[in-house]
Every structure is written in structure tokens, then in C-alpha cells.
Amino acid sequence: MARSLLCALRSALFIGWLAVTVVPWALAVLVASLFIRGDRLYAMCAGWLGVAIAGARVICGVRHRLSGLHHLAEAESAAAVVVLSKHQSTWETFAFPCLLPRPLAYVFKRELLYIPFFGWAMARLEMIHIDRSRRAAAWNRVAEQGRLRMDSGHWVIMFPEGTRTPRGSQGTYKFGGTRLACTTGASVLPVAVTSARCWPRKSFLLRRGVIDVSIGPLIPSAGRQPDELMYEVEAWIEGEMRRLDAAAYVRT
């Protein structure tokens, strides 16, 4: 009981930390966007994400462990990269700009732009926001904007399951990310992350622990079809998830 209460208090303090820091930071980004854009503005926004991740570590005891650094080194020399990641929590959306070496262009639903302050600042970045209700138009935007972002040296990042999944579960992997890779000739970088171990989806309670982030081998898309390429990506991510968080999958 005492442990649960302490967890709730720490989590409330962390959410307060996010609220207190995001407002002035977002306002600063909006003002700065009148004078700077591109990677400099991205770095400014990534600075707040670093503050958020540090807050989770200091306040709630949520730490992380990164493996597969040699795969990151290989990816840095690639001409174009699409990052496809497991998605369990808000944590990885905050952490990846701090952990990955290139600026990231997230593909996300445009409704996130309406979130006060956070969404307003995100709207000033070179991201790829789509209307999910218009699938053909959404894909055209992903293909066009994704190519532009990768041509400028950014990595496009997508969550192939489409939404956050509960710990120990597996969603349906959609082919949009590998379709983009095959269309543009980009390589795919798969990522497994056990964030629900500490920050479950649809919850504001953060539990003390270690989140594993595992970077997989770079997978070329040349000569591949989107569906069979995604099956390979899915097999690596889900196999790695079961290795990193075996207890969760035994329970399910």
C-alpha cells in the first residue's frame, strides 16, 4: 500500500514537472520559430524532451539501457533510413530524439497538433502529420514528405502497430513503413523497447525500473516487397521483445 502511494505521488510530481516545463519551453519555441527553423529548432524541442526523460529518471526512477550501438553506427552511414519501432508508451516518443543520432521526422495523426503548447510547438517542426480518415492522401503525404526529410539527412520514424500496445502483447503490423522504405530505397532500422514495464499505456503511473531499448540490424529494402520486408521486421522486433521482457510474454 505504501509503495503504491509513493508511486502515485512520484507520478503526480512528474506530470506536474511536465506541465510546468512545457509551457515556457513551447512558448520559447514558437517565438524562436519566427527566426530559426530546421535542425536548430528541432534541437531546441529535443532539449525539452531530454528534460522530460531526465524528470522520469530523477523523480520516478525510470532508467534506460541502450543496446545495439554498432547497428546505430552502421545506420549513420546509410543514405536514408526508416526507423520502425515497437510502441508501448509515451516514453519512447520522448526518448528517441535524445537517443538516436539523426533528427527524426515522426509520422503521426494530425490531432496531436491540437494539444495546447506541446502540439503547437510540434507543428513548427518538419514532421509528417496525416489525416488517418483519408488513407490515399495520407500515404501520398508520407511518401512525398518522407522522401524530402530523408533527402535532408533526417530519419523517418514510424510505429508499425499504429498505436501503443499493452505489455506482453502484439498488435497488427501495417506495411506503411516498409512501403515507404521500398518506394524510396531507404534501409529499415528496427527497434524493440520495453517501456510498458515502467510506463504502461493509458496510465499516468510510472514505476521504478529499467527500460531496454534494443537497436536491430539495418535491413536494406532493395529488391524487397513491403509485406515480406515487414514480416522480417516484425519477426526481429517481436523476437527481441520476448528476449528482453520474457516474463511479460509468459503471463500472456
C-alpha atoms as a PDB file:
ATOM      1  CA  MET A   1       0.000   0.000   0.000  1.00  0.00           C
ATOM      2  CA  ALA A   2       2.759   2.433   0.951  1.00  0.00           C
ATOM      3  CA  ARG A   3       4.687   1.560  -2.200  1.00  0.00           C
ATOM      4  CA  SER A   4       1.636   2.205  -4.383  1.00  0.00           C
ATOM      5  CA  LEU A   5       1.023   5.542  -2.687  1.00  0.00           C
ATOM      6  CA  LEU A   6       4.647   6.547  -3.187  1.00  0.00           C
ATOM      7  CA  CYS A   7       4.423   5.569  -6.855  1.00  0.00           C
ATOM      8  CA  ALA A   8       1.298   7.700  -7.265  1.00  0.00           C
ATOM      9  CA  LEU A   9       2.925  10.684  -5.553  1.00  0.00           C
ATOM     10  CA  ARG A  10       6.053  10.438  -7.685  1.00  0.00           C
ATOM     11  CA  SER A  11       3.978  10.112 -10.846  1.00  0.00           C
ATOM     12  CA  ALA A  12       1.889  13.158  -9.933  1.00  0.00           C
ATOM     13  CA  LEU A  13       5.064  15.123  -9.318  1.00  0.00           C
ATOM     14  CA  PHE A  14       6.419  14.033 -12.696  1.00  0.00           C
ATOM     15  CA  ILE A  15       3.250  15.059 -14.542  1.00  0.00           C
ATOM     16  CA  GLY A  16       3.441  18.388 -12.745  1.00  0.00           C
ATOM     17  CA  TRP A  17       7.065  18.684 -13.876  1.00  0.00           C
ATOM     18  CA  LEU A  18       5.990  18.157 -17.492  1.00  0.00           C
ATOM     19  CA  ALA A  19       3.215  20.727 -17.225  1.00  0.00           C
ATOM     20  CA  VAL A  20       5.405  23.356 -15.581  1.00  0.00           C
ATOM     21  CA  THR A  21       8.280  22.998 -18.036  1.00  0.00           C
ATOM     22  CA  VAL A  22       6.396  22.517 -21.324  1.00  0.00           C
ATOM     23  CA  VAL A  23       4.541  25.850 -21.256  1.00  0.00           C
ATOM     24  CA  PRO A  24       7.531  28.235 -21.179  1.00  0.00           C
ATOM     25  CA  TRP A  25       9.567  25.928 -23.410  1.00  0.00           C
ATOM     26  CA  ALA A  26       6.813  25.723 -26.042  1.00  0.00           C
ATOM     27  CA  LEU A  27       6.321  29.481 -25.972  1.00  0.00           C
ATOM     28  CA  ALA A  28      10.069  29.930 -26.465  1.00  0.00           C
ATOM     29  CA  VAL A  29       9.934  27.523 -29.435  1.00  0.00           C
ATOM     30  CA  LEU A  30       7.038  29.442 -31.003  1.00  0.00           C
ATOM     31  CA  VAL A  31       8.919  32.716 -30.696  1.00  0.00           C
ATOM     32  CA  ALA A  32      12.179  31.179 -31.909  1.00  0.00           C
ATOM     33  CA  SER A  33      10.414  29.670 -34.934  1.00  0.00           C
ATOM     34  CA  LEU A  34       9.965  33.196 -36.276  1.00  0.00           C
ATOM     35  CA  PHE A  35      13.734  33.392 -36.683  1.00  0.00           C
ATOM     36  CA  ILE A  36      15.081  29.829 -36.954  1.00  0.00           C
ATOM     37  CA  ARG A  37      13.794  26.587 -38.474  1.00  0.00           C
ATOM     38  CA  GLY A  38      15.105  23.163 -39.397  1.00  0.00           C
ATOM     39  CA  ASP A  39      17.635  21.335 -37.261  1.00  0.00           C
ATOM     40  CA  ARG A  40      18.223  24.258 -34.883  1.00  0.00           C
ATOM     41  CA  LEU A  41      14.545  24.381 -33.919  1.00  0.00           C
ATOM     42  CA  TYR A  42      14.450  20.579 -33.702  1.00  0.00           C
ATOM     43  CA  ALA A  43      17.383  20.647 -31.275  1.00  0.00           C
ATOM     44  CA  MET A  44      15.544  23.209 -29.163  1.00  0.00           C
ATOM     45  CA  CYS A  45      12.484  20.953 -28.915  1.00  0.00           C
ATOM     46  CA  ALA A  46      14.639  17.890 -28.251  1.00  0.00           C
ATOM     47  CA  GLY A  47      16.066  19.804 -25.307  1.00  0.00           C
ATOM     48  CA  TRP A  48      12.671  19.734 -23.582  1.00  0.00           C
ATOM     49  CA  LEU A  49      12.283  16.029 -24.344  1.00  0.00           C
ATOM     50  CA  GLY A  50      15.604  15.482 -22.599  1.00  0.00           C
ATOM     51  CA  VAL A  51      14.274  17.408 -19.610  1.00  0.00           C
ATOM     52  CA  ALA A  52      11.182  15.163 -19.593  1.00  0.00           C
ATOM     53  CA  ILE A  53      13.225  11.944 -19.729  1.00  0.00           C
ATOM     54  CA  ALA A  54      15.541  13.254 -17.003  1.00  0.00           C
ATOM     55  CA  GLY A  55      12.476  14.050 -14.891  1.00  0.00           C
ATOM     56  CA  ALA A  56      11.213  10.478 -15.278  1.00  0.00           C
ATOM     57  CA  ARG A  57      14.610   9.188 -14.168  1.00  0.00           C
ATOM     58  CA  VAL A  58      15.116  11.508 -11.183  1.00  0.00           C
ATOM     59  CA  ILE A  59      11.536  11.699  -9.927  1.00  0.00           C
ATOM     60  CA  CYS A  60      10.206   8.235 -10.750  1.00  0.00           C
ATOM     61  CA  GLY A  61      13.349   6.123 -11.054  1.00  0.00           C
ATOM     62  CA  VAL A  62      12.732   5.230 -14.709  1.00  0.00           C
ATOM     63  CA  ARG A  63      16.115   4.465 -16.263  1.00  0.00           C
ATOM     64  CA  HIS A  64      17.008   3.047 -19.653  1.00  0.00           C
ATOM     65  CA  ARG A  65      19.587   0.685 -21.131  1.00  0.00           C
ATOM     66  CA  LEU A  66      20.571   1.011 -24.805  1.00  0.00           C
ATOM     67  CA  SER A  67      21.995  -1.892 -26.796  1.00  0.00           C
ATOM     68  CA  GLY A  68      22.907  -2.328 -30.454  1.00  0.00           C
ATOM     69  CA  LEU A  69      25.129   0.738 -30.719  1.00  0.00           C
ATOM     70  CA  HIS A  70      27.105  -0.913 -33.539  1.00  0.00           C
ATOM     71  CA  HIS A  71      23.888  -1.047 -35.573  1.00  0.00           C
ATOM     72  CA  LEU A  72      23.405   2.691 -34.969  1.00  0.00           C
ATOM     73  CA  ALA A  73      26.917   3.339 -36.241  1.00  0.00           C
ATOM     74  CA  GLU A  74      26.115   1.404 -39.419  1.00  0.00           C
ATOM     75  CA  ALA A  75      22.833   3.282 -39.879  1.00  0.00           C
ATOM     76  CA  GLU A  76      24.573   6.660 -39.622  1.00  0.00           C
ATOM     77  CA  SER A  77      26.452   5.924 -42.829  1.00  0.00           C
ATOM     78  CA  ALA A  78      23.310   4.864 -44.729  1.00  0.00           C
ATOM     79  CA  ALA A  79      21.866   7.193 -47.369  1.00  0.00           C
ATOM     80  CA  ALA A  80      18.321   7.007 -45.991  1.00  0.00           C
ATOM     81  CA  VAL A  81      16.749   5.264 -43.001  1.00  0.00           C
ATOM     82  CA  VAL A  82      13.209   4.455 -41.869  1.00  0.00           C
ATOM     83  CA  VAL A  83      13.064   3.615 -38.160  1.00  0.00           C
ATOM     84  CA  LEU A  84      10.330   1.099 -37.243  1.00  0.00           C
ATOM     85  CA  SER A  85       9.803   0.648 -33.525  1.00  0.00           C
ATOM     86  CA  LYS A  86       7.730  -1.219 -31.011  1.00  0.00           C
ATOM     87  CA  HIS A  87       5.317   1.206 -29.361  1.00  0.00           C
ATOM     88  CA  GLN A  88       4.188   0.628 -25.772  1.00  0.00           C
ATOM     89  CA  SER A  89       4.330   4.034 -24.123  1.00  0.00           C
ATOM     90  CA  THR A  90       4.759   7.780 -24.388  1.00  0.00           C
ATOM     91  CA  TRP A  91       8.303   7.248 -23.110  1.00  0.00           C
ATOM     92  CA  GLU A  92       9.859   6.221 -26.439  1.00  0.00           C
ATOM     93  CA  THR A  93       8.268   9.111 -28.330  1.00  0.00           C
ATOM     94  CA  PHE A  94      10.048  11.435 -25.894  1.00  0.00           C
ATOM     95  CA  ALA A  95      13.299   9.459 -25.675  1.00  0.00           C
ATOM     96  CA  PHE A  96      14.143   8.642 -29.288  1.00  0.00           C
ATOM     97  CA  PRO A  97      15.153  12.194 -30.314  1.00  0.00           C
ATOM     98  CA  CYS A  98      17.614  12.080 -27.395  1.00  0.00           C
ATOM     99  CA  LEU A  99      18.925   8.572 -28.151  1.00  0.00           C
ATOM    100  CA  LEU A 100      19.166   8.448 -31.947  1.00  0.00           C
ATOM    101  CA  PRO A 101      21.948  10.345 -33.732  1.00  0.00           C
ATOM    102  CA  ARG A 102      19.947  11.956 -36.552  1.00  0.00           C
ATOM    103  CA  PRO A 103      16.975  14.358 -36.444  1.00  0.00           C
ATOM    104  CA  LEU A 104      13.738  12.372 -36.610  1.00  0.00           C
ATOM    105  CA  ALA A 105      10.647  13.061 -38.682  1.00  0.00           C
ATOM    106  CA  TYR A 106       7.747  11.382 -36.894  1.00  0.00           C
ATOM    107  CA  VAL A 107       4.694  10.209 -38.833  1.00  0.00           C
ATOM    108  CA  PHE A 108       1.692  10.910 -36.599  1.00  0.00           C
ATOM    109  CA  LYS A 109      -2.006  11.722 -36.641  1.00  0.00           C
ATOM    110  CA  ARG A 110      -2.667  15.436 -37.072  1.00  0.00           C
ATOM    111  CA  GLU A 111      -4.931  15.583 -33.992  1.00  0.00           C
ATOM    112  CA  LEU A 112      -1.786  15.738 -31.856  1.00  0.00           C
ATOM    113  CA  LEU A 113      -1.148  19.235 -33.204  1.00  0.00           C
ATOM    114  CA  TYR A 114      -4.160  20.480 -31.252  1.00  0.00           C
ATOM    115  CA  ILE A 115      -2.637  19.645 -27.853  1.00  0.00           C
ATOM    116  CA  PRO A 116      -2.002  23.013 -26.162  1.00  0.00           C
ATOM    117  CA  PHE A 117       1.632  24.125 -26.143  1.00  0.00           C
ATOM    118  CA  PHE A 118       3.140  20.682 -26.905  1.00  0.00           C
ATOM    119  CA  GLY A 119       1.233  20.274 -30.173  1.00  0.00           C
ATOM    120  CA  TRP A 120       1.656  23.929 -31.118  1.00  0.00           C
ATOM    121  CA  ALA A 121       5.431  23.644 -30.821  1.00  0.00           C
ATOM    122  CA  MET A 122       5.450  20.335 -32.718  1.00  0.00           C
ATOM    123  CA  ALA A 123       3.564  21.997 -35.582  1.00  0.00           C
ATOM    124  CA  ARG A 124       6.593  24.238 -36.180  1.00  0.00           C
ATOM    125  CA  LEU A 125       8.850  21.238 -36.829  1.00  0.00           C
ATOM    126  CA  GLU A 126       9.401  19.336 -40.069  1.00  0.00           C
ATOM    127  CA  MET A 127       7.281  16.356 -39.095  1.00  0.00           C
ATOM    128  CA  ILE A 128       4.779  14.342 -41.159  1.00  0.00           C
ATOM    129  CA  HIS A 129       1.262  14.718 -39.792  1.00  0.00           C
ATOM    130  CA  ILE A 130      -1.518  12.868 -41.585  1.00  0.00           C
ATOM    131  CA  ASP A 131      -5.296  12.595 -41.676  1.00  0.00           C
ATOM    132  CA  ARG A 132      -5.949   8.914 -40.986  1.00  0.00           C
ATOM    133  CA  SER A 133      -9.504   9.177 -42.348  1.00  0.00           C
ATOM    134  CA  ARG A 134      -8.099   9.875 -45.833  1.00  0.00           C
ATOM    135  CA  ARG A 135      -5.853   6.894 -46.407  1.00  0.00           C
ATOM    136  CA  ALA A 136      -4.802   7.592 -50.002  1.00  0.00           C
ATOM    137  CA  ALA A 137      -3.977  11.229 -49.251  1.00  0.00           C
ATOM    138  CA  ALA A 138      -2.197  10.169 -46.060  1.00  0.00           C
ATOM    139  CA  TRP A 139       0.055   7.744 -47.935  1.00  0.00           C
ATOM    140  CA  ASN A 140       0.841  10.332 -50.630  1.00  0.00           C
ATOM    141  CA  ARG A 141       1.884  12.780 -47.933  1.00  0.00           C
ATOM    142  CA  VAL A 142       4.048  10.174 -46.187  1.00  0.00           C
ATOM    143  CA  ALA A 143       5.762   9.252 -49.465  1.00  0.00           C
ATOM    144  CA  GLU A 144       6.351  12.860 -50.530  1.00  0.00           C
ATOM    145  CA  GLN A 145       7.354  14.297 -47.169  1.00  0.00           C
ATOM    146  CA  GLY A 146       9.275  11.188 -46.146  1.00  0.00           C
ATOM    147  CA  ARG A 147      11.488  11.417 -49.219  1.00  0.00           C
ATOM    148  CA  LEU A 148      12.113  15.124 -48.596  1.00  0.00           C
ATOM    149  CA  ARG A 149      13.024  14.567 -44.955  1.00  0.00           C
ATOM    150  CA  MET A 150      15.407  11.716 -45.767  1.00  0.00           C
ATOM    151  CA  ASP A 151      16.998  13.722 -48.568  1.00  0.00           C
ATOM    152  CA  SER A 152      17.805  16.369 -45.953  1.00  0.00           C
ATOM    153  CA  GLY A 153      19.541  13.795 -43.742  1.00  0.00           C
ATOM    154  CA  HIS A 154      16.702  13.086 -41.333  1.00  0.00           C
ATOM    155  CA  TRP A 155      15.398   9.659 -40.371  1.00  0.00           C
ATOM    156  CA  VAL A 156      11.686   8.957 -40.723  1.00  0.00           C
ATOM    157  CA  ILE A 157      10.249   7.114 -37.739  1.00  0.00           C
ATOM    158  CA  MET A 158       7.008   5.130 -37.656  1.00  0.00           C
ATOM    159  CA  PHE A 159       5.304   2.764 -35.247  1.00  0.00           C
ATOM    160  CA  PRO A 160       4.048  -0.081 -37.477  1.00  0.00           C
ATOM    161  CA  GLU A 161       1.458  -1.294 -34.960  1.00  0.00           C
ATOM    162  CA  GLY A 162      -0.160   2.123 -35.252  1.00  0.00           C
ATOM    163  CA  THR A 163      -0.855   2.608 -31.564  1.00  0.00           C
ATOM    164  CA  ARG A 164       0.543   1.741 -28.146  1.00  0.00           C
ATOM    165  CA  THR A 165       0.204  -1.913 -27.207  1.00  0.00           C
ATOM    166  CA  PRO A 166      -0.089  -3.375 -23.683  1.00  0.00           C
ATOM    167  CA  ARG A 167       2.929  -5.053 -22.160  1.00  0.00           C
ATOM    168  CA  GLY A 168       3.305  -8.619 -23.374  1.00  0.00           C
ATOM    169  CA  SER A 169       1.042  -8.181 -26.395  1.00  0.00           C
ATOM    170  CA  GLN A 170       1.457  -7.796 -30.136  1.00  0.00           C
ATOM    171  CA  GLY A 171      -0.549  -5.573 -32.462  1.00  0.00           C
ATOM    172  CA  THR A 172      -1.059  -5.893 -36.202  1.00  0.00           C
ATOM    173  CA  TYR A 173       1.985  -4.695 -38.110  1.00  0.00           C
ATOM    174  CA  LYS A 174       0.979  -2.474 -41.032  1.00  0.00           C
ATOM    175  CA  PHE A 175       3.057  -2.124 -44.169  1.00  0.00           C
ATOM    176  CA  GLY A 176       3.253   1.691 -44.416  1.00  0.00           C
ATOM    177  CA  GLY A 177       6.796   1.933 -43.069  1.00  0.00           C
ATOM    178  CA  THR A 178       8.266  -0.753 -45.304  1.00  0.00           C
ATOM    179  CA  ARG A 179       6.267   0.593 -48.249  1.00  0.00           C
ATOM    180  CA  LEU A 180       7.979   3.936 -47.712  1.00  0.00           C
ATOM    181  CA  ALA A 181      11.374   2.212 -47.492  1.00  0.00           C
ATOM    182  CA  CYS A 182      10.816   0.229 -50.684  1.00  0.00           C
ATOM    183  CA  THR A 183       9.497   3.286 -52.533  1.00  0.00           C
ATOM    184  CA  THR A 184      12.445   5.487 -51.567  1.00  0.00           C
ATOM    185  CA  GLY A 185      15.202   2.859 -51.421  1.00  0.00           C
ATOM    186  CA  ALA A 186      15.752   3.521 -47.727  1.00  0.00           C
ATOM    187  CA  SER A 187      17.003   0.912 -45.295  1.00  0.00           C
ATOM    188  CA  VAL A 188      14.942  -0.108 -42.261  1.00  0.00           C
ATOM    189  CA  LEU A 189      16.209   0.128 -38.685  1.00  0.00           C
ATOM    190  CA  PRO A 190      14.072  -1.999 -36.309  1.00  0.00           C
ATOM    191  CA  VAL A 191      13.866  -1.089 -32.620  1.00  0.00           C
ATOM    192  CA  ALA A 192      12.493  -3.035 -29.651  1.00  0.00           C
ATOM    193  CA  VAL A 193      11.606  -1.136 -26.470  1.00  0.00           C
ATOM    194  CA  THR A 194      10.159  -2.401 -23.173  1.00  0.00           C
ATOM    195  CA  SER A 195       8.728   0.931 -21.994  1.00  0.00           C
ATOM    196  CA  ALA A 196       5.442  -0.530 -20.700  1.00  0.00           C
ATOM    197  CA  ARG A 197       7.487  -2.189 -17.973  1.00  0.00           C
ATOM    198  CA  CYS A 198       7.724   1.250 -16.329  1.00  0.00           C
ATOM    199  CA  TRP A 199       5.110   3.435 -18.066  1.00  0.00           C
ATOM    200  CA  PRO A 200       2.081   1.442 -19.268  1.00  0.00           C
ATOM    201  CA  ARG A 201      -0.166   2.842 -21.972  1.00  0.00           C
ATOM    202  CA  LYS A 202      -3.240   4.820 -20.877  1.00  0.00           C
ATOM    203  CA  SER A 203      -1.686   5.352 -17.457  1.00  0.00           C
ATOM    204  CA  PHE A 204      -0.037   8.251 -15.671  1.00  0.00           C
ATOM    205  CA  LEU A 205       1.598   5.961 -13.118  1.00  0.00           C
ATOM    206  CA  LEU A 206       5.319   5.469 -13.689  1.00  0.00           C
ATOM    207  CA  ARG A 207       7.015   2.547 -11.957  1.00  0.00           C
ATOM    208  CA  ARG A 208      10.674   2.438 -10.985  1.00  0.00           C
ATOM    209  CA  GLY A 209      12.732   0.198 -13.258  1.00  0.00           C
ATOM    210  CA  VAL A 210      14.850  -0.125 -16.399  1.00  0.00           C
ATOM    211  CA  ILE A 211      13.554   0.256 -19.949  1.00  0.00           C
ATOM    212  CA  ASP A 212      15.530  -1.719 -22.510  1.00  0.00           C
ATOM    213  CA  VAL A 213      15.987  -0.155 -25.942  1.00  0.00           C
ATOM    214  CA  SER A 214      17.485  -2.572 -28.461  1.00  0.00           C
ATOM    215  CA  ILE A 215      18.598  -1.369 -31.901  1.00  0.00           C
ATOM    216  CA  GLY A 216      18.406  -4.059 -34.558  1.00  0.00           C
ATOM    217  CA  PRO A 217      20.481  -4.686 -37.685  1.00  0.00           C
ATOM    218  CA  LEU A 218      19.961  -2.368 -40.646  1.00  0.00           C
ATOM    219  CA  ILE A 219      17.799  -4.091 -43.283  1.00  0.00           C
ATOM    220  CA  PRO A 220      18.167  -2.977 -46.933  1.00  0.00           C
ATOM    221  CA  SER A 221      14.948  -2.602 -48.917  1.00  0.00           C
ATOM    222  CA  ALA A 222      16.415  -3.037 -52.416  1.00  0.00           C
ATOM    223  CA  GLY A 223      14.586  -5.758 -54.328  1.00  0.00           C
ATOM    224  CA  ARG A 224      12.137  -6.364 -51.477  1.00  0.00           C
ATOM    225  CA  GLN A 225       8.352  -6.212 -51.290  1.00  0.00           C
ATOM    226  CA  PRO A 226       6.777  -4.191 -48.440  1.00  0.00           C
ATOM    227  CA  ASP A 227       4.868  -7.122 -46.979  1.00  0.00           C
ATOM    228  CA  GLU A 228       7.734  -9.617 -46.801  1.00  0.00           C
ATOM    229  CA  LEU A 229      10.078  -6.883 -45.556  1.00  0.00           C
ATOM    230  CA  MET A 230       7.638  -6.060 -42.762  1.00  0.00           C
ATOM    231  CA  TYR A 231       7.388  -9.742 -41.830  1.00  0.00           C
ATOM    232  CA  GLU A 232      11.157  -9.725 -41.295  1.00  0.00           C
ATOM    233  CA  VAL A 233      10.966  -6.520 -39.251  1.00  0.00           C
ATOM    234  CA  GLU A 234       8.089  -7.899 -37.184  1.00  0.00           C
ATOM    235  CA  ALA A 235       9.909 -11.176 -36.556  1.00  0.00           C
ATOM    236  CA  TRP A 236      13.005  -9.357 -35.271  1.00  0.00           C
ATOM    237  CA  ILE A 237      11.118  -6.876 -33.067  1.00  0.00           C
ATOM    238  CA  GLU A 238       8.788  -9.433 -31.522  1.00  0.00           C
ATOM    239  CA  GLY A 239      11.562 -11.952 -31.014  1.00  0.00           C
ATOM    240  CA  GLU A 240      13.656  -9.305 -29.301  1.00  0.00           C
ATOM    241  CA  MET A 241      10.718  -8.225 -27.133  1.00  0.00           C
ATOM    242  CA  ARG A 242      10.323 -11.781 -25.889  1.00  0.00           C
ATOM    243  CA  ARG A 243      14.017 -11.938 -25.094  1.00  0.00           C
ATOM    244  CA  LEU A 244      14.086  -8.583 -23.277  1.00  0.00           C
ATOM    245  CA  ASP A 245      10.816  -8.980 -21.354  1.00  0.00           C
ATOM    246  CA  ALA A 246      10.264 -12.721 -21.267  1.00  0.00           C
ATOM    247  CA  ALA A 247       8.192 -12.653 -18.061  1.00  0.00           C
ATOM    248  CA  ALA A 248       5.517 -10.456 -19.665  1.00  0.00           C
ATOM    249  CA  TYR A 249       5.026 -12.856 -22.554  1.00  0.00           C
ATOM    250  CA  VAL A 250       4.932 -15.912 -20.312  1.00  0.00           C
ATOM    251  CA  ARG A 251       1.989 -14.365 -18.461  1.00  0.00           C
ATOM    252  CA  THR A 252       0.069 -13.781 -21.689  1.00  0.00           C
END
